[in-house]
Amino acid sequence: MSPAHRTRDIERQAGYLKPEHCVPPPPRSGAGSMWFIRDGCGITCAVITWFLVFYAEFVVMFVMLLPARSAAYSLFNGLLFSSLAFLALASHAKAMCTDPGAVPKGNATKEFIESLQLKPGQVVYKCPKCCSIKPDRAHHCSVCKRCIKKMDHHCPWVNNCVGEKNQKYFVLFTMYIALISFHALLMVAFHFVFCFEEDWKKCGTFSPPATVVLLILLCFEGLLFLIFTAVMFGTQVHSICSDETVSDVTREQRNKTQRLNFSHRSIILARAVWLIELKNEMVMRFSQDCEKCFSQNEVERMKDGSSEALS
């Protein structure tokens, strides 16, 4: 297990969990209840995601494929694009409405702690925000207001955390979006070539300016989401293969930075102490030299005074 897996927000001994400060967890909803985060930004991003997919479907079907010269070309690409778009939206809905692995809220009660049968000196972890006992590699999400098991990150585009139970749907969503974006870019390129060879009025049901604007917007959307989702898909595959979430890596980097800052401050402090000691030593030497000089001057003055008195 990597050091990132052993990182926690708060560490408390079982005797210091203060279960009396936690209210009992609310009763669990039925098994058929749907998980949904009521976040304005997340809901807006989810609606924008569905709108962009439907816009791409509209442009592909009604601007590029219906006026195509080959029925086989239109049928094959239409079925392929529509199937990928349906799978992308289905994966998005599953990623958004699936419990990512939330820890029961307020379970840090005296009865639950006693049921754990902790050994003397055994360390358990408590989240002070949702008052729950945190299992291994769980992190608190400020948007969901819950601790999530194996939390990777909170994605506003799916209006949910990516965690232990819905990561596979998020991976599928990014893969399908990357595929339909790449497919749309290919069809836009072929359609531009087709329209340049033929008359623009014959290669679409819309006017040439409207067709060009719709294709340029689709090209920009496809290029943007291809890059974004391809990077996210690669990141998720890497985290699955290495068994390290983004939260684990971020927490480990933060701890490393804190350790480096502490060592840097220690070095600066040690240098400051050394300079102070050097300064004190120089002052002491200077004072000793001054005392020697003053004592020698006094002795000479006394000798001069005694010689004058004898004369």
C-alpha atoms as a PDB file:
ATOM      1  CA  MET A   1       0.000   0.000   0.000  1.00  0.00           C
ATOM      2  CA  SER A   2       1.364   3.399  -0.974  1.00  0.00           C
ATOM      3  CA  PRO A   3       1.887   6.207   1.575  1.00  0.00           C
ATOM      4  CA  ALA A   4      -0.983   8.103   0.003  1.00  0.00           C
ATOM      5  CA  HIS A   5      -3.391   5.393   1.118  1.00  0.00           C
ATOM      6  CA  ARG A   6      -2.381   5.898   4.743  1.00  0.00           C
ATOM      7  CA  THR A   7      -3.028   9.642   4.686  1.00  0.00           C
ATOM      8  CA  ARG A   8      -5.989  10.907   6.711  1.00  0.00           C
ATOM      9  CA  ASP A   9      -7.619  14.217   7.542  1.00  0.00           C
ATOM     10  CA  ILE A  10      -8.010  13.616  11.253  1.00  0.00           C
ATOM     11  CA  GLU A  11      -6.595  10.889  13.467  1.00  0.00           C
ATOM     12  CA  ARG A  12      -8.100  10.234  16.872  1.00  0.00           C
ATOM     13  CA  GLN A  13      -7.821   7.480  19.405  1.00  0.00           C
ATOM     14  CA  ALA A  14     -11.048   5.670  20.120  1.00  0.00           C
ATOM     15  CA  GLY A  15     -11.297   7.367  23.505  1.00  0.00           C
ATOM     16  CA  TYR A  16     -11.218  10.852  21.974  1.00  0.00           C
ATOM     17  CA  LEU A  17     -13.872  10.440  19.281  1.00  0.00           C
ATOM     18  CA  LYS A  18     -16.451  12.207  21.479  1.00  0.00           C
ATOM     19  CA  PRO A  19     -19.466  10.226  20.219  1.00  0.00           C
ATOM     20  CA  GLU A  20     -21.761  12.200  22.515  1.00  0.00           C
ATOM     21  CA  HIS A  21     -21.360  15.176  20.125  1.00  0.00           C
ATOM     22  CA  CYS A  22     -22.777  13.201  17.180  1.00  0.00           C
ATOM     23  CA  VAL A  23     -26.473  12.871  16.563  1.00  0.00           C
ATOM     24  CA  PRO A  24     -27.714   9.442  15.450  1.00  0.00           C
ATOM     25  CA  PRO A  25     -27.706   8.913  11.680  1.00  0.00           C
ATOM     26  CA  PRO A  26     -30.986   9.541   9.872  1.00  0.00           C
ATOM     27  CA  PRO A  27     -33.029   6.483   8.957  1.00  0.00           C
ATOM     28  CA  ARG A  28     -32.028   4.934   5.668  1.00  0.00           C
ATOM     29  CA  SER A  29     -34.242   5.491   2.678  1.00  0.00           C
ATOM     30  CA  GLY A  30     -35.697   2.680   0.705  1.00  0.00           C
ATOM     31  CA  ALA A  31     -33.570   0.572  -1.581  1.00  0.00           C
ATOM     32  CA  GLY A  32     -35.190   2.167  -4.609  1.00  0.00           C
ATOM     33  CA  SER A  33     -34.382   5.761  -3.654  1.00  0.00           C
ATOM     34  CA  MET A  34     -32.284   7.669  -6.173  1.00  0.00           C
ATOM     35  CA  TRP A  35     -29.042   9.432  -5.321  1.00  0.00           C
ATOM     36  CA  PHE A  36     -29.044  13.028  -6.545  1.00  0.00           C
ATOM     37  CA  ILE A  37     -26.946  16.038  -5.492  1.00  0.00           C
ATOM     38  CA  ARG A  38     -28.874  19.317  -5.314  1.00  0.00           C
ATOM     39  CA  ASP A  39     -26.082  21.605  -6.459  1.00  0.00           C
ATOM     40  CA  GLY A  40     -26.887  24.496  -8.792  1.00  0.00           C
ATOM     41  CA  CYS A  41     -23.532  24.475 -10.584  1.00  0.00           C
ATOM     42  CA  GLY A  42     -23.585  20.700 -11.033  1.00  0.00           C
ATOM     43  CA  ILE A  43     -27.169  20.647 -12.334  1.00  0.00           C
ATOM     44  CA  THR A  44     -26.340  23.428 -14.799  1.00  0.00           C
ATOM     45  CA  CYS A  45     -23.259  21.573 -16.072  1.00  0.00           C
ATOM     46  CA  ALA A  46     -25.251  18.335 -16.424  1.00  0.00           C
ATOM     47  CA  VAL A  47     -27.958  20.107 -18.440  1.00  0.00           C
ATOM     48  CA  ILE A  48     -25.294  21.698 -20.660  1.00  0.00           C
ATOM     49  CA  THR A  49     -23.748  18.261 -21.233  1.00  0.00           C
ATOM     50  CA  TRP A  50     -27.044  16.780 -22.427  1.00  0.00           C
ATOM     51  CA  PHE A  51     -27.758  19.863 -24.578  1.00  0.00           C
ATOM     52  CA  LEU A  52     -24.363  19.587 -26.315  1.00  0.00           C
ATOM     53  CA  VAL A  53     -24.885  15.891 -27.044  1.00  0.00           C
ATOM     54  CA  PHE A  54     -28.339  16.579 -28.512  1.00  0.00           C
ATOM     55  CA  TYR A  55     -26.902  19.469 -30.544  1.00  0.00           C
ATOM     56  CA  ALA A  56     -24.233  17.176 -31.977  1.00  0.00           C
ATOM     57  CA  GLU A  57     -26.925  14.577 -32.763  1.00  0.00           C
ATOM     58  CA  PHE A  58     -29.018  17.221 -34.551  1.00  0.00           C
ATOM     59  CA  VAL A  59     -26.127  18.508 -36.685  1.00  0.00           C
ATOM     60  CA  VAL A  60     -24.924  15.008 -37.569  1.00  0.00           C
ATOM     61  CA  MET A  61     -28.350  13.720 -38.524  1.00  0.00           C
ATOM     62  CA  PHE A  62     -30.055  16.734 -40.148  1.00  0.00           C
ATOM     63  CA  VAL A  63     -27.106  18.708 -41.542  1.00  0.00           C
ATOM     64  CA  MET A  64     -24.594  16.051 -42.651  1.00  0.00           C
ATOM     65  CA  LEU A  65     -26.240  12.645 -43.053  1.00  0.00           C
ATOM     66  CA  LEU A  66     -29.696  13.285 -44.497  1.00  0.00           C
ATOM     67  CA  PRO A  67     -28.430  15.129 -47.601  1.00  0.00           C
ATOM     68  CA  ALA A  68     -25.582  12.623 -48.136  1.00  0.00           C
ATOM     69  CA  ARG A  69     -25.242  10.989 -51.524  1.00  0.00           C
ATOM     70  CA  SER A  70     -24.958   7.425 -50.203  1.00  0.00           C
ATOM     71  CA  ALA A  71     -27.771   5.837 -48.201  1.00  0.00           C
ATOM     72  CA  ALA A  72     -25.383   3.211 -46.805  1.00  0.00           C
ATOM     73  CA  TYR A  73     -23.006   5.927 -45.584  1.00  0.00           C
ATOM     74  CA  SER A  74     -25.835   7.801 -43.854  1.00  0.00           C
ATOM     75  CA  LEU A  75     -27.342   4.668 -42.324  1.00  0.00           C
ATOM     76  CA  PHE A  76     -24.036   3.304 -40.975  1.00  0.00           C
ATOM     77  CA  ASN A  77     -22.785   6.577 -39.516  1.00  0.00           C
ATOM     78  CA  GLY A  78     -26.211   7.551 -38.214  1.00  0.00           C
ATOM     79  CA  LEU A  79     -26.643   4.264 -36.322  1.00  0.00           C
ATOM     80  CA  LEU A  80     -23.071   4.360 -35.010  1.00  0.00           C
ATOM     81  CA  PHE A  81     -23.238   7.949 -33.802  1.00  0.00           C
ATOM     82  CA  SER A  82     -26.703   7.589 -32.276  1.00  0.00           C
ATOM     83  CA  SER A  83     -25.700   4.388 -30.463  1.00  0.00           C
ATOM     84  CA  LEU A  84     -22.583   6.002 -29.003  1.00  0.00           C
ATOM     85  CA  ALA A  85     -24.553   9.113 -28.020  1.00  0.00           C
ATOM     86  CA  PHE A  86     -27.200   6.977 -26.286  1.00  0.00           C
ATOM     87  CA  LEU A  87     -24.530   5.018 -24.405  1.00  0.00           C
ATOM     88  CA  ALA A  88     -22.817   8.284 -23.388  1.00  0.00           C
ATOM     89  CA  LEU A  89     -26.040   9.761 -21.987  1.00  0.00           C
ATOM     90  CA  ALA A  90     -26.928   6.486 -20.246  1.00  0.00           C
ATOM     91  CA  SER A  91     -23.473   6.341 -18.625  1.00  0.00           C
ATOM     92  CA  HIS A  92     -23.801   9.996 -17.632  1.00  0.00           C
ATOM     93  CA  ALA A  93     -27.168   9.345 -15.988  1.00  0.00           C
ATOM     94  CA  LYS A  94     -25.801   6.319 -14.113  1.00  0.00           C
ATOM     95  CA  ALA A  95     -22.717   8.248 -12.949  1.00  0.00           C
ATOM     96  CA  MET A  96     -24.931  11.125 -11.776  1.00  0.00           C
ATOM     97  CA  CYS A  97     -27.642   9.108 -10.018  1.00  0.00           C
ATOM     98  CA  THR A  98     -25.518   6.351  -8.452  1.00  0.00           C
ATOM     99  CA  ASP A  99     -24.293   6.532  -4.875  1.00  0.00           C
ATOM    100  CA  PRO A 100     -20.503   6.950  -5.262  1.00  0.00           C
ATOM    101  CA  GLY A 101     -19.845   5.157  -1.967  1.00  0.00           C
ATOM    102  CA  ALA A 102     -21.037   7.578   0.691  1.00  0.00           C
ATOM    103  CA  VAL A 103     -20.272   6.740   4.299  1.00  0.00           C
ATOM    104  CA  PRO A 104     -23.402   6.788   6.513  1.00  0.00           C
ATOM    105  CA  LYS A 105     -23.701  10.270   7.946  1.00  0.00           C
ATOM    106  CA  GLY A 106     -23.518  10.605  11.740  1.00  0.00           C
ATOM    107  CA  ASN A 107     -22.500   6.999  12.423  1.00  0.00           C
ATOM    108  CA  ALA A 108     -19.820   8.031  14.950  1.00  0.00           C
ATOM    109  CA  THR A 109     -22.196   7.213  17.796  1.00  0.00           C
ATOM    110  CA  LYS A 110     -21.331   5.416  21.014  1.00  0.00           C
ATOM    111  CA  GLU A 111     -23.270   2.310  19.986  1.00  0.00           C
ATOM    112  CA  PHE A 112     -21.543   2.083  16.592  1.00  0.00           C
ATOM    113  CA  ILE A 113     -18.079   2.588  18.103  1.00  0.00           C
ATOM    114  CA  GLU A 114     -18.766  -0.146  20.648  1.00  0.00           C
ATOM    115  CA  SER A 115     -19.926  -2.450  17.848  1.00  0.00           C
ATOM    116  CA  LEU A 116     -16.526  -2.046  16.139  1.00  0.00           C
ATOM    117  CA  GLN A 117     -14.887  -3.865  19.089  1.00  0.00           C
ATOM    118  CA  LEU A 118     -11.749  -1.742  18.912  1.00  0.00           C
ATOM    119  CA  LYS A 119      -8.595  -3.051  20.533  1.00  0.00           C
ATOM    120  CA  PRO A 120      -6.736  -0.915  23.112  1.00  0.00           C
ATOM    121  CA  GLY A 121      -4.645   1.694  21.298  1.00  0.00           C
ATOM    122  CA  GLN A 122      -6.284   1.039  17.926  1.00  0.00           C
ATOM    123  CA  VAL A 123      -6.611   4.172  15.810  1.00  0.00           C
ATOM    124  CA  VAL A 124      -9.845   5.048  14.042  1.00  0.00           C
ATOM    125  CA  TYR A 125     -10.653   8.114  11.957  1.00  0.00           C
ATOM    126  CA  LYS A 126     -13.542  10.482  12.389  1.00  0.00           C
ATOM    127  CA  CYS A 127     -14.742  13.227  10.067  1.00  0.00           C
ATOM    128  CA  PRO A 128     -15.779  16.292  12.104  1.00  0.00           C
ATOM    129  CA  LYS A 129     -17.889  17.673   9.232  1.00  0.00           C
ATOM    130  CA  CYS A 130     -20.317  14.786   8.727  1.00  0.00           C
ATOM    131  CA  CYS A 131     -19.596  13.114  12.090  1.00  0.00           C
ATOM    132  CA  SER A 132     -18.883   9.686  10.620  1.00  0.00           C
ATOM    133  CA  ILE A 133     -16.222   7.038  11.072  1.00  0.00           C
ATOM    134  CA  LYS A 134     -14.045   7.205   7.952  1.00  0.00           C
ATOM    135  CA  PRO A 135     -13.021   3.904   6.387  1.00  0.00           C
ATOM    136  CA  ASP A 136      -9.724   3.422   4.618  1.00  0.00           C
ATOM    137  CA  ARG A 137      -9.074   5.943   1.778  1.00  0.00           C
ATOM    138  CA  ALA A 138     -12.313   7.858   2.343  1.00  0.00           C
ATOM    139  CA  HIS A 139     -12.360  11.634   1.796  1.00  0.00           C
ATOM    140  CA  HIS A 140     -14.910  14.313   2.611  1.00  0.00           C
ATOM    141  CA  CYS A 141     -16.568  16.146  -0.294  1.00  0.00           C
ATOM    142  CA  SER A 142     -17.648  19.708   0.483  1.00  0.00           C
ATOM    143  CA  VAL A 143     -20.248  19.655  -2.330  1.00  0.00           C
ATOM    144  CA  CYS A 144     -21.877  16.318  -1.528  1.00  0.00           C
ATOM    145  CA  LYS A 145     -21.344  17.010   2.212  1.00  0.00           C
ATOM    146  CA  ARG A 146     -20.479  13.356   2.742  1.00  0.00           C
ATOM    147  CA  CYS A 147     -17.396  11.196   3.111  1.00  0.00           C
ATOM    148  CA  ILE A 148     -16.911   9.123  -0.059  1.00  0.00           C
ATOM    149  CA  LYS A 149     -15.099   5.791  -0.181  1.00  0.00           C
ATOM    150  CA  LYS A 150     -12.110   5.882  -2.563  1.00  0.00           C
ATOM    151  CA  MET A 151     -13.115   9.359  -3.702  1.00  0.00           C
ATOM    152  CA  ASP A 152     -11.306  10.378  -6.885  1.00  0.00           C
ATOM    153  CA  HIS A 153     -12.731  13.874  -7.389  1.00  0.00           C
ATOM    154  CA  HIS A 154     -16.004  15.766  -7.587  1.00  0.00           C
ATOM    155  CA  CYS A 155     -17.003  16.289 -11.210  1.00  0.00           C
ATOM    156  CA  PRO A 156     -19.538  19.086 -11.846  1.00  0.00           C
ATOM    157  CA  TRP A 157     -20.253  17.695 -15.344  1.00  0.00           C
ATOM    158  CA  VAL A 158     -21.879  14.626 -13.793  1.00  0.00           C
ATOM    159  CA  ASN A 159     -23.036  16.540 -10.689  1.00  0.00           C
ATOM    160  CA  ASN A 160     -21.570  13.881  -8.440  1.00  0.00           C
ATOM    161  CA  CYS A 161     -18.407  12.579  -6.866  1.00  0.00           C
ATOM    162  CA  VAL A 162     -16.440   9.906  -8.686  1.00  0.00           C
ATOM    163  CA  GLY A 163     -15.953   7.194  -6.117  1.00  0.00           C
ATOM    164  CA  GLU A 164     -15.882   3.495  -5.466  1.00  0.00           C
ATOM    165  CA  LYS A 165     -19.337   2.634  -6.802  1.00  0.00           C
ATOM    166  CA  ASN A 166     -19.751   4.896  -9.842  1.00  0.00           C
ATOM    167  CA  GLN A 167     -16.226   5.210 -11.257  1.00  0.00           C
ATOM    168  CA  LYS A 168     -16.925   2.613 -13.958  1.00  0.00           C
ATOM    169  CA  TYR A 169     -19.871   4.690 -15.265  1.00  0.00           C
ATOM    170  CA  PHE A 170     -17.698   7.819 -15.313  1.00  0.00           C
ATOM    171  CA  VAL A 171     -14.970   5.977 -17.247  1.00  0.00           C
ATOM    172  CA  LEU A 172     -17.543   4.755 -19.778  1.00  0.00           C
ATOM    173  CA  PHE A 173     -18.997   8.264 -20.082  1.00  0.00           C
ATOM    174  CA  THR A 174     -15.612   9.825 -20.896  1.00  0.00           C
ATOM    175  CA  MET A 175     -14.830   7.033 -23.370  1.00  0.00           C
ATOM    176  CA  TYR A 176     -18.137   7.373 -25.257  1.00  0.00           C
ATOM    177  CA  ILE A 177     -17.886  11.184 -25.371  1.00  0.00           C
ATOM    178  CA  ALA A 178     -14.343  10.930 -26.756  1.00  0.00           C
ATOM    179  CA  LEU A 179     -15.523   8.432 -29.404  1.00  0.00           C
ATOM    180  CA  ILE A 180     -18.508  10.493 -30.601  1.00  0.00           C
ATOM    181  CA  SER A 181     -16.339  13.640 -30.639  1.00  0.00           C
ATOM    182  CA  PHE A 182     -13.773  11.912 -32.826  1.00  0.00           C
ATOM    183  CA  HIS A 183     -16.521  10.481 -35.040  1.00  0.00           C
ATOM    184  CA  ALA A 184     -18.155  13.909 -35.417  1.00  0.00           C
ATOM    185  CA  LEU A 185     -14.841  15.519 -36.406  1.00  0.00           C
ATOM    186  CA  LEU A 186     -14.303  12.881 -39.104  1.00  0.00           C
ATOM    187  CA  MET A 187     -17.783  13.405 -40.530  1.00  0.00           C
ATOM    188  CA  VAL A 188     -17.344  17.196 -40.498  1.00  0.00           C
ATOM    189  CA  ALA A 189     -14.105  16.838 -42.474  1.00  0.00           C
ATOM    190  CA  PHE A 190     -15.766  14.516 -45.025  1.00  0.00           C
ATOM    191  CA  HIS A 191     -18.768  16.825 -45.310  1.00  0.00           C
ATOM    192  CA  PHE A 192     -16.595  19.876 -45.999  1.00  0.00           C
ATOM    193  CA  VAL A 193     -14.774  17.952 -48.734  1.00  0.00           C
ATOM    194  CA  PHE A 194     -18.106  16.835 -50.210  1.00  0.00           C
ATOM    195  CA  CYS A 195     -19.533  20.379 -50.143  1.00  0.00           C
ATOM    196  CA  PHE A 196     -16.413  21.880 -51.732  1.00  0.00           C
ATOM    197  CA  GLU A 197     -16.683  19.412 -54.631  1.00  0.00           C
ATOM    198  CA  GLU A 198     -20.419  19.970 -55.071  1.00  0.00           C
ATOM    199  CA  ASP A 199     -22.676  22.988 -54.896  1.00  0.00           C
ATOM    200  CA  TRP A 200     -23.222  24.155 -51.286  1.00  0.00           C
ATOM    201  CA  LYS A 201     -26.948  24.532 -51.994  1.00  0.00           C
ATOM    202  CA  LYS A 202     -27.217  20.845 -52.886  1.00  0.00           C
ATOM    203  CA  CYS A 203     -25.234  19.399 -49.952  1.00  0.00           C
ATOM    204  CA  GLY A 204     -27.555  20.481 -47.152  1.00  0.00           C
ATOM    205  CA  THR A 205     -31.135  21.258 -46.255  1.00  0.00           C
ATOM    206  CA  PHE A 206     -30.072  24.550 -44.631  1.00  0.00           C
ATOM    207  CA  SER A 207     -28.666  27.636 -46.297  1.00  0.00           C
ATOM    208  CA  PRO A 208     -24.882  27.634 -46.902  1.00  0.00           C
ATOM    209  CA  PRO A 209     -24.120  30.245 -44.188  1.00  0.00           C
ATOM    210  CA  ALA A 210     -26.208  28.375 -41.606  1.00  0.00           C
ATOM    211  CA  THR A 211     -24.587  25.073 -42.583  1.00  0.00           C
ATOM    212  CA  VAL A 212     -21.086  26.508 -42.222  1.00  0.00           C
ATOM    213  CA  VAL A 213     -21.891  28.031 -38.793  1.00  0.00           C
ATOM    214  CA  LEU A 214     -23.410  24.786 -37.508  1.00  0.00           C
ATOM    215  CA  LEU A 215     -20.451  22.738 -38.732  1.00  0.00           C
ATOM    216  CA  ILE A 216     -17.885  25.130 -37.249  1.00  0.00           C
ATOM    217  CA  LEU A 217     -19.650  25.043 -33.857  1.00  0.00           C
ATOM    218  CA  LEU A 218     -19.776  21.248 -33.975  1.00  0.00           C
ATOM    219  CA  CYS A 219     -16.100  21.111 -34.939  1.00  0.00           C
ATOM    220  CA  PHE A 220     -15.154  23.369 -32.020  1.00  0.00           C
ATOM    221  CA  GLU A 221     -17.309  21.334 -29.606  1.00  0.00           C
ATOM    222  CA  GLY A 222     -15.922  18.024 -30.837  1.00  0.00           C
ATOM    223  CA  LEU A 223     -12.301  19.147 -30.643  1.00  0.00           C
ATOM    224  CA  LEU A 224     -12.720  20.597 -27.153  1.00  0.00           C
ATOM    225  CA  PHE A 225     -14.494  17.586 -25.693  1.00  0.00           C
ATOM    226  CA  LEU A 226     -12.234  15.111 -27.465  1.00  0.00           C
ATOM    227  CA  ILE A 227      -9.173  16.571 -25.751  1.00  0.00           C
ATOM    228  CA  PHE A 228     -10.887  16.939 -22.380  1.00  0.00           C
ATOM    229  CA  THR A 229     -12.531  13.502 -22.206  1.00  0.00           C
ATOM    230  CA  ALA A 230      -9.513  11.693 -23.687  1.00  0.00           C
ATOM    231  CA  VAL A 231      -7.308  13.163 -20.947  1.00  0.00           C
ATOM    232  CA  MET A 232      -9.876  12.289 -18.281  1.00  0.00           C
ATOM    233  CA  PHE A 233     -10.238   8.761 -19.627  1.00  0.00           C
ATOM    234  CA  GLY A 234      -6.468   8.255 -19.565  1.00  0.00           C
ATOM    235  CA  THR A 235      -6.262   9.668 -16.036  1.00  0.00           C
ATOM    236  CA  GLN A 236      -8.995   7.354 -14.809  1.00  0.00           C
ATOM    237  CA  VAL A 237      -7.447   4.282 -16.424  1.00  0.00           C
ATOM    238  CA  HIS A 238      -4.089   5.171 -14.875  1.00  0.00           C
ATOM    239  CA  SER A 239      -5.646   5.621 -11.423  1.00  0.00           C
ATOM    240  CA  ILE A 240      -7.394   2.249 -11.728  1.00  0.00           C
ATOM    241  CA  CYS A 241      -4.207   0.464 -12.816  1.00  0.00           C
ATOM    242  CA  SER A 242      -2.074   2.122 -10.108  1.00  0.00           C
ATOM    243  CA  ASP A 243      -4.836   1.863  -7.472  1.00  0.00           C
ATOM    244  CA  GLU A 244      -4.350   5.540  -6.558  1.00  0.00           C
ATOM    245  CA  THR A 245      -7.095   8.113  -6.836  1.00  0.00           C
ATOM    246  CA  VAL A 246      -6.577  11.775  -7.663  1.00  0.00           C
ATOM    247  CA  SER A 247      -7.366  12.657  -4.029  1.00  0.00           C
ATOM    248  CA  ASP A 248      -4.664  10.267  -2.811  1.00  0.00           C
ATOM    249  CA  VAL A 249      -2.048  11.744  -5.141  1.00  0.00           C
ATOM    250  CA  THR A 250      -3.060  15.326  -4.284  1.00  0.00           C
ATOM    251  CA  ARG A 251      -2.925  14.611  -0.548  1.00  0.00           C
ATOM    252  CA  GLU A 252       0.492  12.983  -0.856  1.00  0.00           C
ATOM    253  CA  GLN A 253       1.844  15.937  -2.854  1.00  0.00           C
ATOM    254  CA  ARG A 254       0.451  18.329  -0.244  1.00  0.00           C
ATOM    255  CA  ASN A 255       2.101  16.401   2.574  1.00  0.00           C
ATOM    256  CA  LYS A 256       5.386  16.319   0.647  1.00  0.00           C
ATOM    257  CA  THR A 257       5.184  20.086   0.123  1.00  0.00           C
ATOM    258  CA  GLN A 258       4.521  20.604   3.811  1.00  0.00           C
ATOM    259  CA  ARG A 259       7.499  18.424   4.713  1.00  0.00           C
ATOM    260  CA  LEU A 260       9.717  20.365   2.295  1.00  0.00           C
ATOM    261  CA  ASN A 261       8.497  23.675   3.701  1.00  0.00           C
ATOM    262  CA  PHE A 262       9.145  22.460   7.241  1.00  0.00           C
ATOM    263  CA  SER A 263      12.682  21.329   6.361  1.00  0.00           C
ATOM    264  CA  HIS A 264      13.286  24.637   4.548  1.00  0.00           C
ATOM    265  CA  ARG A 265      12.106  26.598   7.581  1.00  0.00           C
ATOM    266  CA  SER A 266      14.280  24.415   9.808  1.00  0.00           C
ATOM    267  CA  ILE A 267      17.336  25.182   7.660  1.00  0.00           C
ATOM    268  CA  ILE A 268      16.571  28.914   7.722  1.00  0.00           C
ATOM    269  CA  LEU A 269      16.048  28.810  11.486  1.00  0.00           C
ATOM    270  CA  ALA A 270      19.298  26.922  11.984  1.00  0.00           C
ATOM    271  CA  ARG A 271      21.154  29.480   9.886  1.00  0.00           C
ATOM    272  CA  ALA A 272      19.563  32.312  11.842  1.00  0.00           C
ATOM    273  CA  VAL A 273      20.557  30.704  15.144  1.00  0.00           C
ATOM    274  CA  TRP A 274      24.095  30.210  13.838  1.00  0.00           C
ATOM    275  CA  LEU A 275      24.295  33.865  12.787  1.00  0.00           C
ATOM    276  CA  ILE A 276      23.008  34.983  16.178  1.00  0.00           C
ATOM    277  CA  GLU A 277      25.567  32.806  17.971  1.00  0.00           C
ATOM    278  CA  LEU A 278      28.313  34.121  15.686  1.00  0.00           C
ATOM    279  CA  LYS A 279      27.181  37.684  16.378  1.00  0.00           C
ATOM    280  CA  ASN A 280      27.170  37.050  20.141  1.00  0.00           C
ATOM    281  CA  GLU A 281      30.627  35.488  19.974  1.00  0.00           C
ATOM    282  CA  MET A 282      31.994  38.470  18.020  1.00  0.00           C
ATOM    283  CA  VAL A 283      30.420  40.890  20.498  1.00  0.00           C
ATOM    284  CA  MET A 284      31.950  39.001  23.423  1.00  0.00           C
ATOM    285  CA  ARG A 285      35.373  38.991  21.785  1.00  0.00           C
ATOM    286  CA  PHE A 286      35.079  42.704  21.032  1.00  0.00           C
ATOM    287  CA  SER A 287      34.082  43.456  24.617  1.00  0.00           C
ATOM    288  CA  GLN A 288      36.967  41.355  25.941  1.00  0.00           C
ATOM    289  CA  ASP A 289      39.414  43.179  23.676  1.00  0.00           C
ATOM    290  CA  CYS A 290      38.011  46.497  24.830  1.00  0.00           C
ATOM    291  CA  GLU A 291      38.364  45.478  28.458  1.00  0.00           C
ATOM    292  CA  LYS A 292      41.976  44.482  27.838  1.00  0.00           C
ATOM    293  CA  CYS A 293      42.677  47.807  26.143  1.00  0.00           C
ATOM    294  CA  PHE A 294      40.998  49.761  28.943  1.00  0.00           C
ATOM    295  CA  SER A 295      42.897  47.806  31.595  1.00  0.00           C
ATOM    296  CA  GLN A 296      46.222  48.412  29.850  1.00  0.00           C
ATOM    297  CA  ASN A 297      45.472  52.142  29.546  1.00  0.00           C
ATOM    298  CA  GLU A 298      44.605  52.316  33.239  1.00  0.00           C
ATOM    299  CA  VAL A 299      47.865  50.581  34.183  1.00  0.00           C
ATOM    300  CA  GLU A 300      49.878  52.995  32.041  1.00  0.00           C
ATOM    301  CA  ARG A 301      48.075  55.981  33.563  1.00  0.00           C
ATOM    302  CA  MET A 302      48.801  54.705  37.032  1.00  0.00           C
ATOM    303  CA  LYS A 303      52.488  54.269  36.162  1.00  0.00           C
ATOM    304  CA  ASP A 304      52.621  57.782  34.729  1.00  0.00           C
ATOM    305  CA  GLY A 305      50.926  59.200  37.833  1.00  0.00           C
ATOM    306  CA  SER A 306      53.321  57.427  40.216  1.00  0.00           C
ATOM    307  CA  SER A 307      56.379  58.563  38.255  1.00  0.00           C
ATOM    308  CA  GLU A 308      55.182  62.164  38.329  1.00  0.00           C
ATOM    309  CA  ALA A 309      54.584  61.936  42.084  1.00  0.00           C
ATOM    310  CA  LEU A 310      58.159  60.674  42.700  1.00  0.00           C
ATOM    311  CA  SER A 311      59.597  63.436  40.612  1.00  0.00           C
END
